[in-house]
Amino acid sequence: MPYARFLFTAALLALALASAGCWGGGSTTSTYSETKTISTGQELMDLKKARDSGAITEAEYQRLRESIIKKAHD
């Protein structure tokens, strides 16, 4: 019987701790965002490395290269 009481108490404690976060419990929320700017030249160099390593095909390289160049001129 003491073991059953222990399990009941542990379950009750776990439920109380789990639900404390749902009702606020003084918690705060933080948001962090980071923006990185990559130059067109760097994008093209990275794309070439991907093609040279076999990560992308020649056709994918050409298509992506054109989209990078077009985006740079917009």
N, C-alpha and C. Protein backbone atom coordinates (compact mmCIF):
# COMPACT_ATOMS: atom_id res chain seq x y z
N MET A 1 0.80 -1.20 0.00
CA MET A 1 0.00 0.00 0.00
C MET A 1 0.85 1.27 0.00
N PRO A 2 1.98 1.32 0.73
CA PRO A 2 2.80 2.53 0.69
C PRO A 2 3.32 2.82 -0.72
N TYR A 3 3.56 1.77 -1.50
CA TYR A 3 4.05 1.97 -2.86
C TYR A 3 2.98 2.63 -3.73
N ALA A 4 1.73 2.23 -3.57
CA ALA A 4 0.62 2.81 -4.31
C ALA A 4 0.45 4.28 -3.94
N ARG A 5 0.61 4.59 -2.67
CA ARG A 5 0.51 5.99 -2.23
C ARG A 5 1.64 6.82 -2.85
N PHE A 6 2.84 6.22 -2.90
CA PHE A 6 3.99 6.91 -3.50
C PHE A 6 3.72 7.20 -4.98
N LEU A 7 3.21 6.20 -5.72
CA LEU A 7 2.90 6.40 -7.14
C LEU A 7 1.83 7.46 -7.33
N PHE A 8 0.80 7.44 -6.49
CA PHE A 8 -0.26 8.43 -6.58
C PHE A 8 0.29 9.83 -6.34
N THR A 9 1.14 9.97 -5.32
CA THR A 9 1.73 11.27 -4.99
C THR A 9 2.65 11.74 -6.12
N ALA A 10 3.43 10.83 -6.67
CA ALA A 10 4.34 11.19 -7.77
C ALA A 10 3.54 11.62 -9.00
N ALA A 11 2.47 10.90 -9.31
CA ALA A 11 1.63 11.25 -10.46
C ALA A 11 0.97 12.61 -10.25
N LEU A 12 0.50 12.86 -9.05
CA LEU A 12 -0.14 14.13 -8.73
C LEU A 12 0.86 15.28 -8.85
N LEU A 13 2.07 15.08 -8.36
CA LEU A 13 3.11 16.09 -8.45
C LEU A 13 3.49 16.36 -9.90
N ALA A 14 3.61 15.30 -10.70
CA ALA A 14 3.94 15.46 -12.11
C ALA A 14 2.85 16.24 -12.84
N LEU A 15 1.61 15.94 -12.55
CA LEU A 15 0.49 16.65 -13.15
C LEU A 15 0.50 18.13 -12.77
N ALA A 16 0.77 18.40 -11.50
CA ALA A 16 0.81 19.79 -11.03
C ALA A 16 1.93 20.56 -11.71
N LEU A 17 3.10 19.95 -11.84
CA LEU A 17 4.22 20.62 -12.48
C LEU A 17 3.97 20.83 -13.97
N ALA A 18 3.38 19.85 -14.62
CA ALA A 18 3.10 19.96 -16.05
C ALA A 18 2.06 21.03 -16.33
N SER A 19 1.06 21.13 -15.51
CA SER A 19 0.01 22.10 -15.76
C SER A 19 0.38 23.51 -15.31
N ALA A 20 1.41 23.66 -14.50
CA ALA A 20 1.81 24.99 -14.05
C ALA A 20 2.22 25.87 -15.22
N GLY A 21 2.87 25.28 -16.22
CA GLY A 21 3.28 26.04 -17.39
C GLY A 21 2.11 26.47 -18.25
N CYS A 22 1.02 25.73 -18.19
CA CYS A 22 -0.15 26.05 -19.01
C CYS A 22 -0.90 27.27 -18.50
N TRP A 23 -0.80 27.55 -17.24
CA TRP A 23 -1.55 28.66 -16.66
C TRP A 23 -0.69 29.88 -16.40
N GLY A 24 0.38 30.00 -17.12
CA GLY A 24 1.23 31.17 -16.95
C GLY A 24 2.41 30.87 -16.06
N GLY A 25 2.21 30.69 -14.82
CA GLY A 25 3.26 30.33 -13.90
C GLY A 25 4.43 31.29 -13.88
N GLY A 26 4.23 32.51 -14.33
CA GLY A 26 5.30 33.50 -14.32
C GLY A 26 6.32 33.31 -15.42
N SER A 27 6.03 32.46 -16.40
CA SER A 27 6.99 32.24 -17.47
C SER A 27 6.98 33.42 -18.44
N THR A 28 8.09 33.61 -19.10
CA THR A 28 8.21 34.67 -20.10
C THR A 28 8.57 34.04 -21.43
N THR A 29 8.25 34.73 -22.49
CA THR A 29 8.56 34.27 -23.83
C THR A 29 9.50 35.25 -24.48
N SER A 30 10.57 34.73 -25.05
CA SER A 30 11.53 35.57 -25.74
C SER A 30 11.57 35.17 -27.21
N THR A 31 11.75 36.15 -28.05
CA THR A 31 11.88 35.91 -29.47
C THR A 31 13.20 36.47 -29.94
N TYR A 32 13.94 35.67 -30.71
CA TYR A 32 15.22 36.09 -31.22
C TYR A 32 15.25 35.81 -32.71
N SER A 33 15.63 36.79 -33.47
CA SER A 33 15.78 36.56 -34.90
C SER A 33 17.07 37.22 -35.37
N GLU A 34 17.65 36.61 -36.37
CA GLU A 34 18.90 37.10 -36.90
C GLU A 34 18.79 37.12 -38.42
N THR A 35 19.20 38.21 -39.01
CA THR A 35 19.19 38.33 -40.45
C THR A 35 20.62 38.40 -40.95
N LYS A 36 20.92 37.54 -41.90
CA LYS A 36 22.25 37.55 -42.48
C LYS A 36 22.12 37.94 -43.94
N THR A 37 22.96 38.84 -44.39
CA THR A 37 22.96 39.25 -45.77
C THR A 37 24.15 38.61 -46.47
N ILE A 38 23.87 37.90 -47.53
CA ILE A 38 24.91 37.25 -48.31
C ILE A 38 24.98 37.96 -49.66
N SER A 39 26.18 38.31 -50.07
CA SER A 39 26.34 39.02 -51.34
C SER A 39 26.03 38.08 -52.50
N THR A 40 25.74 38.68 -53.63
CA THR A 40 25.48 37.90 -54.84
C THR A 40 26.70 37.07 -55.20
N GLY A 41 27.86 37.66 -55.07
CA GLY A 41 29.09 36.93 -55.37
C GLY A 41 29.25 35.71 -54.49
N GLN A 42 28.94 35.85 -53.21
CA GLN A 42 29.06 34.72 -52.28
C GLN A 42 28.05 33.64 -52.63
N GLU A 43 26.84 34.05 -52.99
CA GLU A 43 25.83 33.07 -53.39
C GLU A 43 26.29 32.28 -54.61
N LEU A 44 26.87 32.99 -55.58
CA LEU A 44 27.34 32.32 -56.78
C LEU A 44 28.52 31.38 -56.49
N MET A 45 29.41 31.79 -55.60
CA MET A 45 30.54 30.92 -55.23
C MET A 45 30.04 29.68 -54.51
N ASP A 46 29.08 29.85 -53.61
CA ASP A 46 28.50 28.71 -52.90
C ASP A 46 27.79 27.76 -53.86
N LEU A 47 27.10 28.34 -54.83
CA LEU A 47 26.40 27.54 -55.82
C LEU A 47 27.39 26.72 -56.66
N LYS A 48 28.50 27.35 -57.04
CA LYS A 48 29.53 26.66 -57.81
C LYS A 48 30.13 25.51 -57.01
N LYS A 49 30.36 25.74 -55.72
CA LYS A 49 30.89 24.67 -54.86
C LYS A 49 29.92 23.50 -54.81
N ALA A 50 28.62 23.81 -54.73
CA ALA A 50 27.61 22.75 -54.70
C ALA A 50 27.63 21.95 -55.99
N ARG A 51 27.79 22.63 -57.12
CA ARG A 51 27.86 21.93 -58.41
C ARG A 51 29.13 21.09 -58.51
N ASP A 52 30.26 21.70 -58.12
CA ASP A 52 31.54 21.00 -58.22
C ASP A 52 31.61 19.77 -57.32
N SER A 53 30.91 19.82 -56.19
CA SER A 53 30.92 18.68 -55.26
C SER A 53 29.92 17.61 -55.65
N GLY A 54 29.06 17.91 -56.62
CA GLY A 54 28.06 16.94 -57.06
C GLY A 54 26.76 17.03 -56.29
N ALA A 55 26.63 18.04 -55.44
CA ALA A 55 25.40 18.18 -54.65
C ALA A 55 24.22 18.58 -55.52
N ILE A 56 24.48 19.29 -56.62
CA ILE A 56 23.43 19.67 -57.57
C ILE A 56 23.91 19.35 -58.98
N THR A 57 22.97 19.20 -59.88
CA THR A 57 23.31 18.91 -61.27
C THR A 57 23.66 20.19 -62.01
N GLU A 58 24.20 20.04 -63.22
CA GLU A 58 24.52 21.19 -64.06
C GLU A 58 23.26 21.99 -64.39
N ALA A 59 22.17 21.28 -64.66
CA ALA A 59 20.91 21.96 -64.98
C ALA A 59 20.41 22.77 -63.78
N GLU A 60 20.49 22.19 -62.58
CA GLU A 60 20.09 22.92 -61.38
C GLU A 60 20.99 24.13 -61.16
N TYR A 61 22.28 23.93 -61.40
CA TYR A 61 23.24 25.03 -61.26
C TYR A 61 22.87 26.19 -62.18
N GLN A 62 22.61 25.89 -63.44
CA GLN A 62 22.28 26.95 -64.40
C GLN A 62 20.99 27.67 -64.02
N ARG A 63 19.98 26.89 -63.62
CA ARG A 63 18.69 27.49 -63.25
C ARG A 63 18.85 28.40 -62.02
N LEU A 64 19.54 27.90 -61.00
CA LEU A 64 19.72 28.69 -59.78
C LEU A 64 20.62 29.90 -60.02
N ARG A 65 21.63 29.73 -60.85
CA ARG A 65 22.54 30.84 -61.19
C ARG A 65 21.77 31.98 -61.84
N GLU A 66 20.91 31.63 -62.79
CA GLU A 66 20.09 32.64 -63.46
C GLU A 66 19.16 33.35 -62.47
N SER A 67 18.58 32.60 -61.54
CA SER A 67 17.66 33.23 -60.58
C SER A 67 18.43 34.16 -59.62
N ILE A 68 19.65 33.80 -59.26
CA ILE A 68 20.46 34.67 -58.39
C ILE A 68 20.81 35.96 -59.12
N ILE A 69 21.23 35.82 -60.36
CA ILE A 69 21.60 37.01 -61.15
C ILE A 69 20.38 37.90 -61.39
N LYS A 70 19.24 37.29 -61.70
CA LYS A 70 18.02 38.07 -61.91
C LYS A 70 17.62 38.81 -60.62
N LYS A 71 17.70 38.11 -59.50
CA LYS A 71 17.34 38.72 -58.22
C LYS A 71 18.26 39.91 -57.88
N ALA A 72 19.52 39.80 -58.27
CA ALA A 72 20.47 40.88 -58.00
C ALA A 72 20.17 42.13 -58.83
N HIS A 73 19.55 41.94 -59.98
CA HIS A 73 19.26 43.09 -60.85
C HIS A 73 17.87 43.66 -60.61
N ASP A 74 17.08 43.06 -59.77
CA ASP A 74 15.72 43.58 -59.48
C ASP A 74 15.75 44.69 -58.47
